PDB file of N, CA and C in Angstrom:
ATOM      1  N   MET A   1       1.664  -2.957 -16.479  1.00  0.00           N
ATOM      2  CA  MET A   1       0.684  -2.322 -15.635  1.00  0.00           C
ATOM      3  C   MET A   1       1.137  -2.438 -14.191  1.00  0.00           C
ATOM      4  N   LYS A   2       0.744  -1.513 -13.408  1.00  0.00           N
ATOM      5  CA  LYS A   2       1.042  -1.542 -11.970  1.00  0.00           C
ATOM      6  C   LYS A   2      -0.063  -2.328 -11.271  1.00  0.00           C
ATOM      7  N   MET A   3       0.358  -3.168 -10.324  1.00  0.00           N
ATOM      8  CA  MET A   3      -0.605  -3.909  -9.524  1.00  0.00           C
ATOM      9  C   MET A   3      -0.171  -3.916  -8.067  1.00  0.00           C
ATOM     10  N   LYS A   4      -1.155  -3.995  -7.189  1.00  0.00           N
ATOM     11  CA  LYS A   4      -0.886  -4.093  -5.758  1.00  0.00           C
ATOM     12  C   LYS A   4      -1.097  -5.541  -5.361  1.00  0.00           C
ATOM     13  N   LEU A   5      -0.085  -6.144  -4.768  1.00  0.00           N
ATOM     14  CA  LEU A   5      -0.156  -7.501  -4.241  1.00  0.00           C
ATOM     15  C   LEU A   5      -0.255  -7.378  -2.735  1.00  0.00           C
ATOM     16  N   GLN A   6      -1.296  -7.944  -2.172  1.00  0.00           N
ATOM     17  CA  GLN A   6      -1.532  -7.831  -0.728  1.00  0.00           C
ATOM     18  C   GLN A   6      -1.814  -9.219  -0.167  1.00  0.00           C
ATOM     19  N   ILE A   7      -1.151  -9.545   0.928  1.00  0.00           N
ATOM     20  CA  ILE A   7      -1.333 -10.834   1.585  1.00  0.00           C
ATOM     21  C   ILE A   7      -1.793 -10.569   3.015  1.00  0.00           C
ATOM     22  N   THR A   8      -2.935 -11.146   3.385  1.00  0.00           N
ATOM     23  CA  THR A   8      -3.474 -10.999   4.731  1.00  0.00           C
ATOM     24  C   THR A   8      -3.840 -12.376   5.279  1.00  0.00           C
ATOM     25  N   LYS A   9      -3.815 -12.472   6.589  1.00  0.00           N
ATOM     26  CA  LYS A   9      -4.222 -13.709   7.255  1.00  0.00           C
ATOM     27  C   LYS A   9      -4.938 -13.323   8.541  1.00  0.00           C
ATOM     28  N   HIS A  10      -6.170 -13.766   8.674  1.00  0.00           N
ATOM     29  CA  HIS A  10      -6.997 -13.455   9.840  1.00  0.00           C
ATOM     30  C   HIS A  10      -7.062 -11.945  10.088  1.00  0.00           C
ATOM     31  N   GLY A  11      -7.153 -11.184   9.009  1.00  0.00           N
ATOM     32  CA  GLY A  11      -7.265  -9.732   9.115  1.00  0.00           C
ATOM     33  C   GLY A  11      -5.962  -8.999   9.373  1.00  0.00           C
ATOM     34  N   VAL A  12      -4.861  -9.720   9.454  1.00  0.00           N
ATOM     35  CA  VAL A  12      -3.555  -9.103   9.706  1.00  0.00           C
ATOM     36  C   VAL A  12      -2.789  -9.020   8.386  1.00  0.00           C
ATOM     37  N   LEU A  13      -2.308  -7.831   8.070  1.00  0.00           N
ATOM     38  CA  LEU A  13      -1.549  -7.621   6.842  1.00  0.00           C
ATOM     39  C   LEU A  13      -0.150  -8.223   6.989  1.00  0.00           C
ATOM     40  N   LEU A  14       0.185  -9.177   6.126  1.00  0.00           N
ATOM     41  CA  LEU A  14       1.511  -9.790   6.128  1.00  0.00           C
ATOM     42  C   LEU A  14       2.452  -9.111   5.140  1.00  0.00           C
ATOM     43  N   HIS A  15       1.887  -8.667   4.004  1.00  0.00           N
ATOM     44  CA  HIS A  15       2.715  -8.047   2.967  1.00  0.00           C
ATOM     45  C   HIS A  15       1.822  -7.237   2.043  1.00  0.00           C
ATOM     46  N   ALA A  16       2.305  -6.105   1.616  1.00  0.00           N
ATOM     47  CA  ALA A  16       1.637  -5.297   0.595  1.00  0.00           C
ATOM     48  C   ALA A  16       2.691  -4.495  -0.140  1.00  0.00           C
ATOM     49  N   ALA A  17       2.621  -4.528  -1.456  1.00  0.00           N
ATOM     50  CA  ALA A  17       3.562  -3.758  -2.269  1.00  0.00           C
ATOM     51  C   ALA A  17       2.977  -3.585  -3.666  1.00  0.00           C
ATOM     52  N   ILE A  18       3.498  -2.607  -4.380  1.00  0.00           N
ATOM     53  CA  ILE A  18       3.068  -2.340  -5.742  1.00  0.00           C
ATOM     54  C   ILE A  18       4.186  -2.789  -6.686  1.00  0.00           C
ATOM     55  N   TYR A  19       3.790  -3.508  -7.739  1.00  0.00           N
ATOM     56  CA  TYR A  19       4.739  -4.070  -8.692  1.00  0.00           C
ATOM     57  C   TYR A  19       4.333  -3.708 -10.115  1.00  0.00           C
ATOM     58  N   ASP A  20       5.320  -3.670 -11.015  1.00  0.00           N
ATOM     59  CA  ASP A  20       5.065  -3.567 -12.447  1.00  0.00           C
ATOM     60  C   ASP A  20       4.950  -4.987 -12.992  1.00  0.00           C
ATOM     61  N   VAL A  21       3.798  -5.314 -13.549  1.00  0.00           N
ATOM     62  CA  VAL A  21       3.564  -6.659 -14.071  1.00  0.00           C
ATOM     63  C   VAL A  21       3.048  -6.535 -15.501  1.00  0.00           C
ATOM     64  N   ALA A  22       3.768  -7.162 -16.431  1.00  0.00           N
ATOM     65  CA  ALA A  22       3.352  -7.134 -17.834  1.00  0.00           C
ATOM     66  C   ALA A  22       3.030  -8.527 -18.356  1.00  0.00           C
ATOM     67  N   ASP A  23       3.506  -9.564 -17.627  1.00  0.00           N
ATOM     68  CA  ASP A  23       3.303 -10.935 -18.093  1.00  0.00           C
ATOM     69  C   ASP A  23       3.447 -11.903 -16.922  1.00  0.00           C
ATOM     70  N   ALA A  24       3.409 -13.196 -17.225  1.00  0.00           N
ATOM     71  CA  ALA A  24       3.500 -14.215 -16.176  1.00  0.00           C
ATOM     72  C   ALA A  24       4.827 -14.134 -15.418  1.00  0.00           C
ATOM     73  N   ASP A  25       5.899 -13.829 -16.125  1.00  0.00           N
ATOM     74  CA  ASP A  25       7.200 -13.700 -15.459  1.00  0.00           C
ATOM     75  C   ASP A  25       7.198 -12.552 -14.455  1.00  0.00           C
ATOM     76  N   GLY A  26       6.582 -11.447 -14.834  1.00  0.00           N
ATOM     77  CA  GLY A  26       6.489 -10.305 -13.922  1.00  0.00           C
ATOM     78  C   GLY A  26       5.670 -10.634 -12.683  1.00  0.00           C
ATOM     79  N   PHE A  27       4.592 -11.380 -12.878  1.00  0.00           N
ATOM     80  CA  PHE A  27       3.778 -11.797 -11.729  1.00  0.00           C
ATOM     81  C   PHE A  27       4.569 -12.749 -10.839  1.00  0.00           C
ATOM     82  N   GLY A  28       5.330 -13.634 -11.458  1.00  0.00           N
ATOM     83  CA  GLY A  28       6.178 -14.555 -10.699  1.00  0.00           C
ATOM     84  C   GLY A  28       7.221 -13.813  -9.880  1.00  0.00           C
ATOM     85  N   ARG A  29       7.814 -12.782 -10.461  1.00  0.00           N
ATOM     86  CA  ARG A  29       8.807 -11.978  -9.721  1.00  0.00           C
ATOM     87  C   ARG A  29       8.161 -11.262  -8.537  1.00  0.00           C
ATOM     88  N   ALA A  30       6.936 -10.785  -8.724  1.00  0.00           N
ATOM     89  CA  ALA A  30       6.232 -10.115  -7.622  1.00  0.00           C
ATOM     90  C   ALA A  30       5.986 -11.101  -6.479  1.00  0.00           C
ATOM     91  N   CYS A  31       5.546 -12.302  -6.809  1.00  0.00           N
ATOM     92  CA  CYS A  31       5.299 -13.318  -5.776  1.00  0.00           C
ATOM     93  C   CYS A  31       6.602 -13.746  -5.104  1.00  0.00           C
ATOM     94  N   ALA A  32       7.673 -13.873  -5.895  1.00  0.00           N
ATOM     95  CA  ALA A  32       8.978 -14.238  -5.325  1.00  0.00           C
ATOM     96  C   ALA A  32       9.482 -13.151  -4.384  1.00  0.00           C
ATOM     97  N   ASP A  33       9.257 -11.893  -4.732  1.00  0.00           N
ATOM     98  CA  ASP A  33       9.659 -10.784  -3.870  1.00  0.00           C
ATOM     99  C   ASP A  33       8.884 -10.828  -2.555  1.00  0.00           C
ATOM    100  N   ALA A  34       7.591 -11.096  -2.632  1.00  0.00           N
ATOM    101  CA  ALA A  34       6.780 -11.201  -1.408  1.00  0.00           C
ATOM    102  C   ALA A  34       7.304 -12.331  -0.528  1.00  0.00           C
ATOM    103  N   TRP A  35       7.613 -13.476  -1.127  1.00  0.00           N
ATOM    104  CA  TRP A  35       8.156 -14.628  -0.390  1.00  0.00           C
ATOM    105  C   TRP A  35       9.467 -14.225   0.304  1.00  0.00           C
ATOM    106  N   ALA A  36      10.357 -13.580  -0.442  1.00  0.00           N
ATOM    107  CA  ALA A  36      11.660 -13.190   0.116  1.00  0.00           C
ATOM    108  C   ALA A  36      11.495 -12.215   1.274  1.00  0.00           C
ATOM    109  N   LYS A  37      10.579 -11.269   1.153  1.00  0.00           N
ATOM    110  CA  LYS A  37      10.372 -10.299   2.234  1.00  0.00           C
ATOM    111  C   LYS A  37       9.770 -10.958   3.468  1.00  0.00           C
ATOM    112  N   LEU A  38       8.862 -11.905   3.274  1.00  0.00           N
ATOM    113  CA  LEU A  38       8.313 -12.636   4.423  1.00  0.00           C
ATOM    114  C   LEU A  38       9.411 -13.461   5.097  1.00  0.00           C
ATOM    115  N   MET A  39      10.290 -14.046   4.295  1.00  0.00           N
ATOM    116  CA  MET A  39      11.389 -14.839   4.862  1.00  0.00           C
ATOM    117  C   MET A  39      12.352 -13.940   5.640  1.00  0.00           C
ATOM    118  N   GLN A  40      12.683 -12.769   5.109  1.00  0.00           N
ATOM    119  CA  GLN A  40      13.570 -11.841   5.815  1.00  0.00           C
ATOM    120  C   GLN A  40      12.964 -11.413   7.144  1.00  0.00           C
ATOM    121  N   GLU A  41      11.664 -11.158   7.131  1.00  0.00           N
ATOM    122  CA  GLU A  41      10.981 -10.768   8.366  1.00  0.00           C
ATOM    123  C   GLU A  41      11.058 -11.888   9.400  1.00  0.00           C
ATOM    124  N   GLN A  42      10.856 -13.116   8.949  1.00  0.00           N
ATOM    125  CA  GLN A  42      10.936 -14.266   9.851  1.00  0.00           C
ATOM    126  C   GLN A  42      12.337 -14.402  10.427  1.00  0.00           C
ATOM    127  N   GLN A  43      13.343 -14.209   9.600  1.00  0.00           N
ATOM    128  CA  GLN A  43      14.723 -14.326  10.070  1.00  0.00           C
ATOM    129  C   GLN A  43      15.027 -13.329  11.172  1.00  0.00           C
ATOM    130  N   GLY A  44      14.451 -12.154  11.079  1.00  0.00           N
ATOM    131  CA  GLY A  44      14.671 -11.137  12.100  1.00  0.00           C
ATOM    132  C   GLY A  44      14.009 -11.455  13.420  1.00  0.00           C
ATOM    133  N   LYS A  45      13.012 -12.330  13.401  1.00  0.00           N
ATOM    134  CA  LYS A  45      12.274 -12.667  14.623  1.00  0.00           C
ATOM    135  C   LYS A  45      12.867 -13.848  15.382  1.00  0.00           C
ATOM    136  N   GLU A  46      13.709 -14.635  14.741  1.00  0.00           N
ATOM    137  CA  GLU A  46      14.261 -15.829  15.397  1.00  0.00           C
ATOM    138  C   GLU A  46      15.271 -15.439  16.473  1.00  0.00           C
ATOM    139  N   SER A  47      15.264 -16.203  17.543  1.00  0.00           N
ATOM    140  CA  SER A  47      16.108 -15.885  18.689  1.00  0.00           C
ATOM    141  C   SER A  47      17.543 -16.377  18.545  1.00  0.00           C
ATOM    142  N   SER A  48      17.767 -17.357  17.685  1.00  0.00           N
ATOM    143  CA  SER A  48      19.116 -17.897  17.517  1.00  0.00           C
ATOM    144  C   SER A  48      19.245 -18.496  16.118  1.00  0.00           C
ATOM    145  N   ILE A  49      20.480 -18.784  15.720  1.00  0.00           N
ATOM    146  CA  ILE A  49      20.705 -19.392  14.413  1.00  0.00           C
ATOM    147  C   ILE A  49      20.111 -20.802  14.378  1.00  0.00           C
ATOM    148  N   GLY A  50      20.124 -21.501  15.495  1.00  0.00           N
ATOM    149  CA  GLY A  50      19.529 -22.833  15.558  1.00  0.00           C
ATOM    150  C   GLY A  50      18.029 -22.788  15.316  1.00  0.00           C
ATOM    151  N   ALA A  51      17.366 -21.832  15.945  1.00  0.00           N
ATOM    152  CA  ALA A  51      15.923 -21.670  15.746  1.00  0.00           C
ATOM    153  C   ALA A  51      15.633 -21.290  14.297  1.00  0.00           C
ATOM    154  N   LEU A  52      16.465 -20.432  13.738  1.00  0.00           N
ATOM    155  CA  LEU A  52      16.283 -20.037  12.347  1.00  0.00           C
ATOM    156  C   LEU A  52      16.398 -21.243  11.423  1.00  0.00           C
ATOM    157  N   MET A  53      17.424 -22.049  11.596  1.00  0.00           N
ATOM    158  CA  MET A  53      17.619 -23.210  10.735  1.00  0.00           C
ATOM    159  C   MET A  53      16.471 -24.209  10.879  1.00  0.00           C
ATOM    160  N   GLU A  54      15.926 -24.318  12.071  1.00  0.00           N
ATOM    161  CA  GLU A  54      14.827 -25.242  12.321  1.00  0.00           C
ATOM    162  C   GLU A  54      13.545 -24.804  11.617  1.00  0.00           C
ATOM    163  N   HIS A  55      13.309 -23.494  11.532  1.00  0.00           N
ATOM    164  CA  HIS A  55      12.055 -22.977  10.982  1.00  0.00           C
ATOM    165  C   HIS A  55      12.174 -22.420   9.566  1.00  0.00           C
ATOM    166  N   LEU A  56      13.370 -22.386   9.019  1.00  0.00           N
ATOM    167  CA  LEU A  56      13.599 -21.723   7.739  1.00  0.00           C
ATOM    168  C   LEU A  56      12.729 -22.283   6.616  1.00  0.00           C
ATOM    169  N   GLU A  57      12.657 -23.594   6.499  1.00  0.00           N
ATOM    170  CA  GLU A  57      11.911 -24.214   5.403  1.00  0.00           C
ATOM    171  C   GLU A  57      10.409 -24.018   5.526  1.00  0.00           C
ATOM    172  N   ASP A  58       9.851 -24.183   6.715  1.00  0.00           N
ATOM    173  CA  ASP A  58       8.400 -24.189   6.888  1.00  0.00           C
ATOM    174  C   ASP A  58       7.824 -22.845   7.305  1.00  0.00           C
ATOM    175  N   GLY A  59       8.640 -21.918   7.740  1.00  0.00           N
ATOM    176  CA  GLY A  59       8.144 -20.681   8.303  1.00  0.00           C
ATOM    177  C   GLY A  59       7.239 -19.887   7.382  1.00  0.00           C
ATOM    178  N   VAL A  60       7.666 -19.640   6.161  1.00  0.00           N
ATOM    179  CA  VAL A  60       6.862 -18.853   5.231  1.00  0.00           C
ATOM    180  C   VAL A  60       5.636 -19.645   4.801  1.00  0.00           C
ATOM    181  N   LEU A  61       5.800 -20.935   4.580  1.00  0.00           N
ATOM    182  CA  LEU A  61       4.636 -21.755   4.220  1.00  0.00           C
ATOM    183  C   LEU A  61       3.587 -21.727   5.314  1.00  0.00           C
ATOM    184  N   ASP A  62       4.020 -21.807   6.563  1.00  0.00           N
ATOM    185  CA  ASP A  62       3.075 -21.733   7.682  1.00  0.00           C
ATOM    186  C   ASP A  62       2.360 -20.386   7.697  1.00  0.00           C
ATOM    187  N   GLN A  63       3.079 -19.315   7.402  1.00  0.00           N
ATOM    188  CA  GLN A  63       2.459 -17.987   7.357  1.00  0.00           C
ATOM    189  C   GLN A  63       1.423 -17.901   6.244  1.00  0.00           C
ATOM    190  N   LEU A  64       1.722 -18.486   5.101  1.00  0.00           N
ATOM    191  CA  LEU A  64       0.842 -18.377   3.945  1.00  0.00           C
ATOM    192  C   LEU A  64      -0.319 -19.365   3.965  1.00  0.00           C
ATOM    193  N   ASN A  65      -0.202 -20.433   4.765  1.00  0.00           N
ATOM    194  CA  ASN A  65      -1.282 -21.414   4.853  1.00  0.00           C
ATOM    195  C   ASN A  65      -2.541 -20.748   5.407  1.00  0.00           C
ATOM    196  N   GLY A  66      -3.582 -20.675   4.596  1.00  0.00           N
ATOM    197  CA  GLY A  66      -4.823 -20.043   5.000  1.00  0.00           C
ATOM    198  C   GLY A  66      -4.874 -18.543   4.767  1.00  0.00           C
ATOM    199  N   ALA A  67      -3.815 -17.984   4.183  1.00  0.00           N
ATOM    200  CA  ALA A  67      -3.771 -16.541   3.929  1.00  0.00           C
ATOM    201  C   ALA A  67      -4.585 -16.193   2.685  1.00  0.00           C
ATOM    202  N   HIS A  68      -4.969 -14.940   2.590  1.00  0.00           N
ATOM    203  CA  HIS A  68      -5.672 -14.416   1.424  1.00  0.00           C
ATOM    204  C   HIS A  68      -4.685 -13.571   0.627  1.00  0.00           C
ATOM    205  N   ILE A  69      -4.524 -13.924  -0.654  1.00  0.00           N
ATOM    206  CA  ILE A  69      -3.639 -13.175  -1.536  1.00  0.00           C
ATOM    207  C   ILE A  69      -4.519 -12.409  -2.509  1.00  0.00           C
ATOM    208  N   GLY A  70      -4.419 -11.093  -2.450  1.00  0.00           N
ATOM    209  CA  GLY A  70      -5.239 -10.250  -3.313  1.00  0.00           C
ATOM    210  C   GLY A  70      -4.398  -9.469  -4.301  1.00  0.00           C
ATOM    211  N   VAL A  71      -4.957  -9.279  -5.487  1.00  0.00           N
ATOM    212  CA  VAL A  71      -4.294  -8.514  -6.542  1.00  0.00           C
ATOM    213  C   VAL A  71      -5.250  -7.418  -6.977  1.00  0.00           C
ATOM    214  N   GLU A  72      -4.743  -6.193  -7.021  1.00  0.00           N
ATOM    215  CA  GLU A  72      -5.569  -5.053  -7.419  1.00  0.00           C
ATOM    216  C   GLU A  72      -4.822  -4.238  -8.462  1.00  0.00           C
ATOM    217  N   ARG A  73      -5.506  -3.940  -9.556  1.00  0.00           N
ATOM    218  CA  ARG A  73      -4.894  -3.116 -10.606  1.00  0.00           C
ATOM    219  C   ARG A  73      -4.840  -1.668 -10.117  1.00  0.00           C
ATOM    220  N   MET A  74      -3.672  -1.044 -10.278  1.00  0.00           N
ATOM    221  CA  MET A  74      -3.480   0.342  -9.877  1.00  0.00           C
ATOM    222  C   MET A  74      -3.600   1.232 -11.101  1.00  0.00           C
ATOM    223  N   GLN A  75      -4.071   2.440 -10.899  1.00  0.00           N
ATOM    224  CA  GLN A  75      -4.234   3.391 -12.006  1.00  0.00           C
ATOM    225  C   GLN A  75      -2.969   4.153 -12.249  1.00  0.00           C
TER     226      GLN A  75
END
C-alpha cells in the first residue's frame, strides 16, 4: 500500500514523501529514507567539515526531538 510519511516540528515541515509499504521492513525503509534525507539536508547547511563532524551524530536526533511523525494511507 502507498503511505505518506510526514514529519513536522512546531508547524514546520521537515520531511514528506510517499512510500510503498507492505510490511514492517517496508516501514523501516521509509523511516530510514527520511533519516537519510534529513541528514543530507543538514550536511548541506554546515559551514565547514569540522562543523559537520561535530554535529553529524546529534543533528538529526535534535531535529526529531519533539517532532510529530504522521502516517497517512494514500488511495
